[in-house]
Amino acid sequence: MEPVRPRREITLRFLAEPTDVNFGGKVHGGAVMKWIDQAGYACAVGWSGYYCVTVFVGGIRFYKPIFIGQIVEVKATLIHTGRSSMHVAIDVSAADPMTGAVKKTTRCLIVFVAVDGGGDTVPVPPWKPETEEDKRLEQYAVRMATMRKAQDEELIAIDGPRKG
């Protein structure tokens, strides 16, 4: 039997339902964020083989609304690994089932960390970019990690030392 390779990508597809609607008659942003987290989680677990927790969601950008009855596709792609972390790019699109017209609706980056049963971080299999697009996506993830670190340092400097 051939060993199972980690999965780098996963796509969830489903119909946007009336229970997902907001007061404006479109799919609620919170529902979209839930779908993003679910797809990202499935991608991270598929890669690492461990339970994973979300440690960062950033750069979420809503481009177009999703309407009830549209077919939603949430694509999660691993674009960078650290020792125990995984950066996952998420793209959301919606299609009209009658015409087939597809539009990009949302995009973001999520960072997950793999943990064991006690909640301690565990190493994940390293991912290496193979194509030019992979290299570009990994460079983006590294730039975002650098920006997050700088932002965290600025917040600590503003807040001062925490008393616990």
N, C-alpha and C. Protein backbone atom coordinates (compact mmCIF):
# COMPACT_ATOMS: atom_id res chain seq x y z
N MET A 1 0.84 -1.18 0.00
CA MET A 1 0.00 0.00 0.00
C MET A 1 0.89 1.25 0.00
N GLU A 2 0.58 2.19 -0.86
CA GLU A 2 1.36 3.43 -0.97
C GLU A 2 1.03 4.37 0.18
N PRO A 3 2.06 5.02 0.77
CA PRO A 3 1.78 5.94 1.88
C PRO A 3 0.96 7.14 1.41
N VAL A 4 0.13 7.65 2.30
CA VAL A 4 -0.71 8.79 1.99
C VAL A 4 0.14 10.06 2.09
N ARG A 5 0.11 10.85 1.04
CA ARG A 5 0.84 12.12 1.05
C ARG A 5 -0.04 13.20 1.66
N PRO A 6 0.57 14.17 2.33
CA PRO A 6 -0.23 15.28 2.86
C PRO A 6 -0.94 16.02 1.72
N ARG A 7 -2.15 16.46 2.01
CA ARG A 7 -2.92 17.22 1.01
C ARG A 7 -2.63 18.70 1.18
N ARG A 8 -2.25 19.35 0.11
CA ARG A 8 -1.91 20.78 0.14
C ARG A 8 -3.13 21.66 -0.13
N GLU A 9 -4.15 21.09 -0.71
CA GLU A 9 -5.27 21.90 -1.18
C GLU A 9 -6.59 21.17 -0.96
N ILE A 10 -7.61 21.96 -0.67
CA ILE A 10 -8.95 21.39 -0.55
C ILE A 10 -9.96 22.42 -1.04
N THR A 11 -11.02 21.93 -1.65
CA THR A 11 -12.09 22.81 -2.12
C THR A 11 -13.41 22.30 -1.57
N LEU A 12 -14.15 23.19 -0.91
CA LEU A 12 -15.50 22.88 -0.44
C LEU A 12 -16.49 23.54 -1.39
N ARG A 13 -17.53 22.82 -1.76
CA ARG A 13 -18.58 23.38 -2.63
C ARG A 13 -19.94 23.07 -2.03
N PHE A 14 -20.81 24.07 -2.05
CA PHE A 14 -22.14 23.91 -1.49
C PHE A 14 -23.03 25.04 -1.97
N LEU A 15 -24.30 24.92 -1.67
CA LEU A 15 -25.29 25.92 -2.06
C LEU A 15 -25.47 26.93 -0.93
N ALA A 16 -25.48 28.22 -1.25
CA ALA A 16 -25.77 29.25 -0.25
C ALA A 16 -27.24 29.15 0.10
N GLU A 17 -27.55 28.98 1.38
CA GLU A 17 -28.91 28.71 1.84
C GLU A 17 -29.57 29.94 2.47
N PRO A 18 -30.89 29.93 2.55
CA PRO A 18 -31.61 31.06 3.17
C PRO A 18 -31.19 31.34 4.61
N THR A 19 -30.71 30.35 5.33
CA THR A 19 -30.27 30.58 6.71
C THR A 19 -28.98 31.39 6.77
N ASP A 20 -28.29 31.57 5.62
CA ASP A 20 -27.04 32.32 5.56
C ASP A 20 -27.26 33.81 5.29
N VAL A 21 -28.51 34.24 5.15
CA VAL A 21 -28.82 35.60 4.70
C VAL A 21 -28.66 36.64 5.81
N ASN A 22 -28.24 37.86 5.42
CA ASN A 22 -28.19 38.98 6.35
C ASN A 22 -29.40 39.88 6.13
N PHE A 23 -29.45 41.01 6.81
CA PHE A 23 -30.60 41.90 6.68
C PHE A 23 -30.69 42.54 5.30
N GLY A 24 -29.60 42.55 4.56
CA GLY A 24 -29.60 43.12 3.21
C GLY A 24 -29.98 42.11 2.14
N GLY A 25 -30.28 40.87 2.53
CA GLY A 25 -30.70 39.86 1.56
C GLY A 25 -29.57 39.10 0.89
N LYS A 26 -28.35 39.30 1.37
CA LYS A 26 -27.19 38.60 0.81
C LYS A 26 -26.61 37.69 1.90
N VAL A 27 -25.66 36.85 1.51
CA VAL A 27 -25.03 35.98 2.50
C VAL A 27 -24.26 36.85 3.50
N HIS A 28 -24.44 36.54 4.76
CA HIS A 28 -23.83 37.27 5.87
C HIS A 28 -22.32 37.07 5.85
N GLY A 29 -21.55 38.15 6.09
CA GLY A 29 -20.09 38.06 6.13
C GLY A 29 -19.61 37.06 7.16
N GLY A 30 -20.32 36.94 8.27
CA GLY A 30 -19.95 35.97 9.30
C GLY A 30 -20.05 34.54 8.80
N ALA A 31 -21.05 34.27 7.95
CA ALA A 31 -21.18 32.93 7.36
C ALA A 31 -19.99 32.65 6.46
N VAL A 32 -19.59 33.65 5.67
CA VAL A 32 -18.44 33.48 4.78
C VAL A 32 -17.17 33.22 5.59
N MET A 33 -17.00 33.96 6.69
CA MET A 33 -15.81 33.75 7.53
C MET A 33 -15.82 32.36 8.16
N LYS A 34 -16.98 31.86 8.51
CA LYS A 34 -17.08 30.49 9.04
C LYS A 34 -16.64 29.48 7.99
N TRP A 35 -17.10 29.65 6.75
CA TRP A 35 -16.72 28.74 5.67
C TRP A 35 -15.22 28.80 5.42
N ILE A 36 -14.66 30.02 5.48
CA ILE A 36 -13.22 30.20 5.29
C ILE A 36 -12.45 29.43 6.36
N ASP A 37 -12.87 29.56 7.61
CA ASP A 37 -12.18 28.87 8.70
C ASP A 37 -12.31 27.36 8.55
N GLN A 38 -13.47 26.87 8.13
CA GLN A 38 -13.66 25.43 7.96
C GLN A 38 -12.76 24.87 6.86
N ALA A 39 -12.71 25.57 5.73
CA ALA A 39 -11.87 25.09 4.62
C ALA A 39 -10.40 25.15 5.01
N GLY A 40 -10.00 26.24 5.68
CA GLY A 40 -8.61 26.37 6.12
C GLY A 40 -8.23 25.28 7.10
N TYR A 41 -9.15 25.01 8.04
CA TYR A 41 -8.91 23.95 9.02
C TYR A 41 -8.72 22.60 8.32
N ALA A 42 -9.61 22.28 7.38
CA ALA A 42 -9.52 21.00 6.67
C ALA A 42 -8.20 20.89 5.92
N CYS A 43 -7.75 21.99 5.33
CA CYS A 43 -6.47 22.00 4.62
C CYS A 43 -5.31 21.77 5.59
N ALA A 44 -5.31 22.51 6.71
CA ALA A 44 -4.21 22.40 7.68
C ALA A 44 -4.15 21.00 8.29
N VAL A 45 -5.29 20.44 8.65
CA VAL A 45 -5.33 19.09 9.23
C VAL A 45 -4.89 18.06 8.19
N GLY A 46 -5.34 18.24 6.95
CA GLY A 46 -4.94 17.32 5.87
C GLY A 46 -3.45 17.34 5.62
N TRP A 47 -2.83 18.50 5.81
CA TRP A 47 -1.38 18.60 5.62
C TRP A 47 -0.62 18.03 6.81
N SER A 48 -1.03 18.44 8.01
CA SER A 48 -0.25 18.10 9.20
C SER A 48 -0.57 16.74 9.81
N GLY A 49 -1.82 16.30 9.67
CA GLY A 49 -2.23 15.07 10.33
C GLY A 49 -2.54 15.26 11.81
N TYR A 50 -2.63 16.52 12.25
CA TYR A 50 -2.92 16.86 13.65
C TYR A 50 -4.11 17.81 13.74
N TYR A 51 -4.66 17.89 14.93
CA TYR A 51 -5.66 18.91 15.22
C TYR A 51 -4.97 20.26 15.06
N CYS A 52 -5.65 21.24 14.50
CA CYS A 52 -5.05 22.55 14.26
C CYS A 52 -5.93 23.65 14.82
N VAL A 53 -5.29 24.72 15.26
CA VAL A 53 -6.02 25.87 15.77
C VAL A 53 -5.67 27.09 14.92
N THR A 54 -6.65 27.96 14.76
CA THR A 54 -6.45 29.21 14.03
C THR A 54 -5.71 30.18 14.94
N VAL A 55 -4.59 30.75 14.46
CA VAL A 55 -3.87 31.74 15.25
C VAL A 55 -3.90 33.12 14.62
N PHE A 56 -4.28 33.19 13.34
CA PHE A 56 -4.34 34.48 12.68
C PHE A 56 -5.23 34.39 11.45
N VAL A 57 -6.06 35.40 11.27
CA VAL A 57 -6.82 35.58 10.04
C VAL A 57 -6.55 37.01 9.61
N GLY A 58 -6.06 37.19 8.40
CA GLY A 58 -5.72 38.54 7.99
C GLY A 58 -5.99 38.81 6.53
N GLY A 59 -6.04 40.09 6.25
CA GLY A 59 -6.21 40.53 4.88
C GLY A 59 -7.51 40.08 4.26
N ILE A 60 -8.53 39.85 5.09
CA ILE A 60 -9.79 39.38 4.52
C ILE A 60 -10.39 40.52 3.69
N ARG A 61 -10.72 40.19 2.47
CA ARG A 61 -11.23 41.18 1.54
C ARG A 61 -12.48 40.63 0.88
N PHE A 62 -13.57 41.36 1.06
CA PHE A 62 -14.84 41.00 0.43
C PHE A 62 -14.95 41.81 -0.86
N TYR A 63 -14.98 41.13 -2.00
CA TYR A 63 -15.05 41.81 -3.30
C TYR A 63 -16.49 41.97 -3.80
N LYS A 64 -17.24 40.89 -3.72
CA LYS A 64 -18.61 40.87 -4.27
C LYS A 64 -19.50 40.10 -3.31
N PRO A 65 -20.80 40.41 -3.31
CA PRO A 65 -21.72 39.66 -2.44
C PRO A 65 -22.01 38.27 -2.99
N ILE A 66 -22.43 37.40 -2.10
CA ILE A 66 -22.90 36.06 -2.47
C ILE A 66 -24.40 36.07 -2.24
N PHE A 67 -25.15 35.55 -3.19
CA PHE A 67 -26.60 35.52 -3.10
C PHE A 67 -27.10 34.12 -2.78
N ILE A 68 -28.22 34.07 -2.10
CA ILE A 68 -28.85 32.79 -1.78
C ILE A 68 -29.11 32.04 -3.09
N GLY A 69 -28.81 30.74 -3.09
CA GLY A 69 -29.01 29.91 -4.27
C GLY A 69 -27.79 29.79 -5.16
N GLN A 70 -26.76 30.59 -4.89
CA GLN A 70 -25.54 30.45 -5.67
C GLN A 70 -24.72 29.28 -5.15
N ILE A 71 -23.91 28.73 -6.04
CA ILE A 71 -23.01 27.65 -5.66
C ILE A 71 -21.71 28.29 -5.18
N VAL A 72 -21.36 28.04 -3.93
CA VAL A 72 -20.18 28.65 -3.31
C VAL A 72 -19.03 27.65 -3.38
N GLU A 73 -17.86 28.17 -3.73
CA GLU A 73 -16.64 27.36 -3.74
C GLU A 73 -15.62 28.05 -2.85
N VAL A 74 -15.13 27.31 -1.86
CA VAL A 74 -14.12 27.83 -0.94
C VAL A 74 -12.87 26.97 -1.12
N LYS A 75 -11.84 27.59 -1.69
CA LYS A 75 -10.60 26.87 -2.00
C LYS A 75 -9.52 27.28 -1.01
N ALA A 76 -8.94 26.31 -0.31
CA ALA A 76 -7.88 26.54 0.66
C ALA A 76 -6.60 25.89 0.13
N THR A 77 -5.51 26.68 0.10
CA THR A 77 -4.24 26.20 -0.42
C THR A 77 -3.12 26.53 0.54
N LEU A 78 -2.36 25.53 0.95
CA LEU A 78 -1.19 25.73 1.80
C LEU A 78 -0.13 26.47 0.98
N ILE A 79 0.39 27.60 1.54
CA ILE A 79 1.39 28.37 0.78
C ILE A 79 2.70 28.55 1.53
N HIS A 80 2.75 28.14 2.80
CA HIS A 80 4.00 28.25 3.56
C HIS A 80 3.87 27.44 4.85
N THR A 81 4.97 26.81 5.25
CA THR A 81 5.01 26.13 6.55
C THR A 81 6.16 26.67 7.37
N GLY A 82 5.92 26.71 8.69
CA GLY A 82 6.98 26.99 9.65
C GLY A 82 7.24 25.69 10.39
N ARG A 83 7.76 25.79 11.61
CA ARG A 83 8.00 24.58 12.39
C ARG A 83 6.68 23.87 12.71
N SER A 84 5.72 24.63 13.23
CA SER A 84 4.42 24.04 13.57
C SER A 84 3.26 24.79 12.92
N SER A 85 3.58 25.84 12.16
CA SER A 85 2.54 26.67 11.57
C SER A 85 2.36 26.39 10.09
N MET A 86 1.15 26.70 9.63
CA MET A 86 0.81 26.55 8.22
C MET A 86 0.04 27.78 7.78
N HIS A 87 0.52 28.44 6.72
CA HIS A 87 -0.17 29.59 6.14
C HIS A 87 -1.03 29.07 5.00
N VAL A 88 -2.31 29.40 5.06
CA VAL A 88 -3.27 28.89 4.08
C VAL A 88 -3.96 30.07 3.40
N ALA A 89 -3.86 30.12 2.08
CA ALA A 89 -4.55 31.14 1.30
C ALA A 89 -5.95 30.62 0.98
N ILE A 90 -6.93 31.49 1.16
CA ILE A 90 -8.33 31.10 0.91
C ILE A 90 -8.90 31.99 -0.19
N ASP A 91 -9.53 31.37 -1.17
CA ASP A 91 -10.25 32.08 -2.23
C ASP A 91 -11.69 31.58 -2.24
N VAL A 92 -12.62 32.52 -2.21
CA VAL A 92 -14.04 32.17 -2.24
C VAL A 92 -14.63 32.72 -3.54
N SER A 93 -15.41 31.88 -4.22
CA SER A 93 -16.12 32.33 -5.41
C SER A 93 -17.56 31.83 -5.35
N ALA A 94 -18.40 32.46 -6.15
CA ALA A 94 -19.81 32.06 -6.20
C ALA A 94 -20.23 31.98 -7.66
N ALA A 95 -21.03 30.97 -7.96
CA ALA A 95 -21.50 30.76 -9.34
C ALA A 95 -23.01 30.76 -9.38
N ASP A 96 -23.53 31.35 -10.43
CA ASP A 96 -24.97 31.29 -10.68
C ASP A 96 -25.25 29.92 -11.30
N PRO A 97 -26.08 29.09 -10.66
CA PRO A 97 -26.28 27.73 -11.18
C PRO A 97 -27.00 27.69 -12.53
N MET A 98 -27.74 28.76 -12.87
CA MET A 98 -28.46 28.77 -14.16
C MET A 98 -27.57 29.18 -15.32
N THR A 99 -26.68 30.14 -15.09
CA THR A 99 -25.84 30.65 -16.19
C THR A 99 -24.42 30.10 -16.14
N GLY A 100 -23.98 29.69 -14.94
CA GLY A 100 -22.60 29.23 -14.78
C GLY A 100 -21.61 30.36 -14.57
N ALA A 101 -22.09 31.61 -14.57
CA ALA A 101 -21.20 32.76 -14.37
C ALA A 101 -20.59 32.69 -12.97
N VAL A 102 -19.26 32.83 -12.91
CA VAL A 102 -18.53 32.72 -11.64
C VAL A 102 -17.90 34.07 -11.32
N LYS A 103 -17.93 34.44 -10.04
CA LYS A 103 -17.25 35.67 -9.60
C LYS A 103 -16.46 35.38 -8.33
N LYS A 104 -15.29 36.02 -8.21
CA LYS A 104 -14.51 35.93 -6.99
C LYS A 104 -15.20 36.83 -5.97
N THR A 105 -15.44 36.32 -4.76
CA THR A 105 -16.16 37.10 -3.77
C THR A 105 -15.30 37.52 -2.58
N THR A 106 -14.36 36.66 -2.18
CA THR A 106 -13.61 36.91 -0.96
C THR A 106 -12.23 36.26 -1.05
N ARG A 107 -11.28 36.86 -0.33
CA ARG A 107 -9.93 36.29 -0.28
C ARG A 107 -9.33 36.63 1.07
N CYS A 108 -8.49 35.74 1.61
CA CYS A 108 -7.77 36.04 2.85
C CYS A 108 -6.65 35.04 3.08
N LEU A 109 -5.92 35.29 4.16
CA LEU A 109 -4.84 34.41 4.58
C LEU A 109 -5.11 33.99 6.02
N ILE A 110 -4.96 32.71 6.30
CA ILE A 110 -5.15 32.19 7.66
C ILE A 110 -3.88 31.44 8.06
N VAL A 111 -3.49 31.59 9.33
CA VAL A 111 -2.37 30.82 9.85
C VAL A 111 -2.92 29.87 10.91
N PHE A 112 -2.59 28.60 10.76
CA PHE A 112 -2.97 27.56 11.71
C PHE A 112 -1.71 27.00 12.36
N VAL A 113 -1.87 26.48 13.57
CA VAL A 113 -0.79 25.79 14.26
C VAL A 113 -1.28 24.39 14.61
N ALA A 114 -0.44 23.40 14.37
CA ALA A 114 -0.76 22.02 14.71
C ALA A 114 -0.45 21.78 16.18
N VAL A 115 -1.37 21.12 16.87
CA VAL A 115 -1.19 20.86 18.30
C VAL A 115 -1.50 19.39 18.61
N ASP A 116 -0.89 18.92 19.71
CA ASP A 116 -1.16 17.56 20.16
C ASP A 116 -2.34 17.56 21.13
N GLY A 117 -2.63 16.42 21.72
CA GLY A 117 -3.77 16.29 22.63
C GLY A 117 -3.68 17.18 23.85
N GLY A 118 -2.47 17.58 24.24
CA GLY A 118 -2.28 18.45 25.40
C GLY A 118 -2.27 19.92 25.04
N GLY A 119 -2.42 20.22 23.73
CA GLY A 119 -2.43 21.61 23.30
C GLY A 119 -1.06 22.19 22.99
N ASP A 120 -0.03 21.34 23.03
CA ASP A 120 1.32 21.81 22.71
C ASP A 120 1.56 21.71 21.21
N THR A 121 2.32 22.68 20.67
CA THR A 121 2.59 22.66 19.24
C THR A 121 3.42 21.46 18.85
N VAL A 122 3.20 20.99 17.64
CA VAL A 122 3.95 19.87 17.09
C VAL A 122 4.47 20.25 15.71
N PRO A 123 5.62 19.68 15.31
CA PRO A 123 6.14 20.00 13.98
C PRO A 123 5.22 19.50 12.88
N VAL A 124 5.21 20.24 11.77
CA VAL A 124 4.42 19.85 10.60
C VAL A 124 5.38 19.51 9.46
N PRO A 125 4.93 18.69 8.52
CA PRO A 125 5.80 18.40 7.37
C PRO A 125 6.12 19.69 6.62
N PRO A 126 7.38 19.89 6.25
CA PRO A 126 7.71 21.11 5.51
C PRO A 126 7.13 21.05 4.10
N TRP A 127 6.77 22.22 3.61
CA TRP A 127 6.31 22.35 2.22
C TRP A 127 7.31 23.19 1.46
N LYS A 128 7.66 22.75 0.28
CA LYS A 128 8.59 23.48 -0.58
C LYS A 128 7.88 23.87 -1.87
N PRO A 129 7.99 25.14 -2.25
CA PRO A 129 7.36 25.57 -3.50
C PRO A 129 8.01 24.90 -4.70
N GLU A 130 7.18 24.55 -5.68
CA GLU A 130 7.69 23.89 -6.88
C GLU A 130 7.60 24.76 -8.11
N THR A 131 6.55 25.56 -8.22
CA THR A 131 6.34 26.39 -9.41
C THR A 131 6.64 27.85 -9.07
N GLU A 132 6.71 28.68 -10.09
CA GLU A 132 6.91 30.12 -9.88
C GLU A 132 5.74 30.70 -9.08
N GLU A 133 4.54 30.24 -9.35
CA GLU A 133 3.36 30.71 -8.59
C GLU A 133 3.49 30.31 -7.12
N ASP A 134 3.94 29.07 -6.86
CA ASP A 134 4.17 28.62 -5.48
C ASP A 134 5.17 29.54 -4.78
N LYS A 135 6.26 29.87 -5.47
CA LYS A 135 7.29 30.74 -4.89
C LYS A 135 6.72 32.12 -4.58
N ARG A 136 5.91 32.66 -5.48
CA ARG A 136 5.30 33.97 -5.27
C ARG A 136 4.38 33.94 -4.06
N LEU A 137 3.57 32.88 -3.94
CA LEU A 137 2.65 32.76 -2.80
C LEU A 137 3.41 32.60 -1.49
N GLU A 138 4.47 31.82 -1.50
CA GLU A 138 5.25 31.65 -0.28
C GLU A 138 5.91 32.97 0.13
N GLN A 139 6.44 33.71 -0.83
CA GLN A 139 7.04 35.01 -0.52
C GLN A 139 6.01 35.95 0.10
N TYR A 140 4.78 35.90 -0.42
CA TYR A 140 3.70 36.71 0.15
C TYR A 140 3.47 36.32 1.62
N ALA A 141 3.40 35.02 1.90
CA ALA A 141 3.17 34.54 3.27
C ALA A 141 4.29 35.00 4.20
N VAL A 142 5.53 34.94 3.74
CA VAL A 142 6.67 35.36 4.56
C VAL A 142 6.60 36.86 4.82
N ARG A 143 6.27 37.66 3.79
CA ARG A 143 6.13 39.11 3.98
C ARG A 143 5.04 39.42 5.00
N MET A 144 3.91 38.71 4.92
CA MET A 144 2.81 38.95 5.86
C MET A 144 3.24 38.57 7.29
N ALA A 145 4.01 37.50 7.44
CA ALA A 145 4.49 37.09 8.77
C ALA A 145 5.41 38.16 9.35
N THR A 146 6.26 38.74 8.52
CA THR A 146 7.16 39.80 8.96
C THR A 146 6.35 41.02 9.40
N MET A 147 5.33 41.37 8.63
CA MET A 147 4.47 42.50 8.98
C MET A 147 3.72 42.25 10.29
N ARG A 148 3.23 41.02 10.50
CA ARG A 148 2.52 40.69 11.75
C ARG A 148 3.45 40.83 12.94
N LYS A 149 4.68 40.38 12.79
CA LYS A 149 5.64 40.47 13.89
C LYS A 149 5.90 41.94 14.23
N ALA A 150 6.10 42.76 13.23
CA ALA A 150 6.33 44.19 13.46
C ALA A 150 5.12 44.83 14.12
N GLN A 151 3.94 44.45 13.68
CA GLN A 151 2.71 44.99 14.26
C GLN A 151 2.59 44.58 15.73
N ASP A 152 2.88 43.32 16.02
CA ASP A 152 2.83 42.85 17.41
C ASP A 152 3.81 43.63 18.29
N GLU A 153 5.02 43.86 17.77
CA GLU A 153 6.03 44.60 18.53
C GLU A 153 5.57 46.04 18.80
N GLU A 154 4.91 46.66 17.81
CA GLU A 154 4.40 48.01 18.00
C GLU A 154 3.29 48.05 19.05
N LEU A 155 2.41 47.06 19.02
CA LEU A 155 1.34 47.01 20.01
C LEU A 155 1.89 46.84 21.42
N ILE A 156 2.92 46.00 21.56
CA ILE A 156 3.54 45.80 22.87
C ILE A 156 4.17 47.11 23.35
N ALA A 157 4.82 47.83 22.43
CA ALA A 157 5.46 49.10 22.80
C ALA A 157 4.41 50.12 23.23
N ILE A 158 3.26 50.13 22.58
CA ILE A 158 2.18 51.07 22.92
C ILE A 158 1.56 50.70 24.26
N ASP A 159 1.27 49.42 24.44
CA ASP A 159 0.59 48.96 25.65
C ASP A 159 1.51 48.92 26.87
N GLY A 160 2.79 48.77 26.66
CA GLY A 160 3.71 48.61 27.77
C GLY A 160 3.65 47.17 28.28
N PRO A 161 4.46 46.86 29.27
CA PRO A 161 4.45 45.48 29.79
C PRO A 161 3.11 45.14 30.43
N ARG A 162 2.65 43.95 30.17
CA ARG A 162 1.39 43.47 30.75
C ARG A 162 1.60 42.95 32.14
N LYS A 163 0.65 43.25 33.00
CA LYS A 163 0.71 42.71 34.36
C LYS A 163 -0.27 41.56 34.44
N GLY A 164 0.18 40.43 34.91
CA GLY A 164 -0.67 39.28 34.87
C GLY A 164 -1.07 38.82 36.16
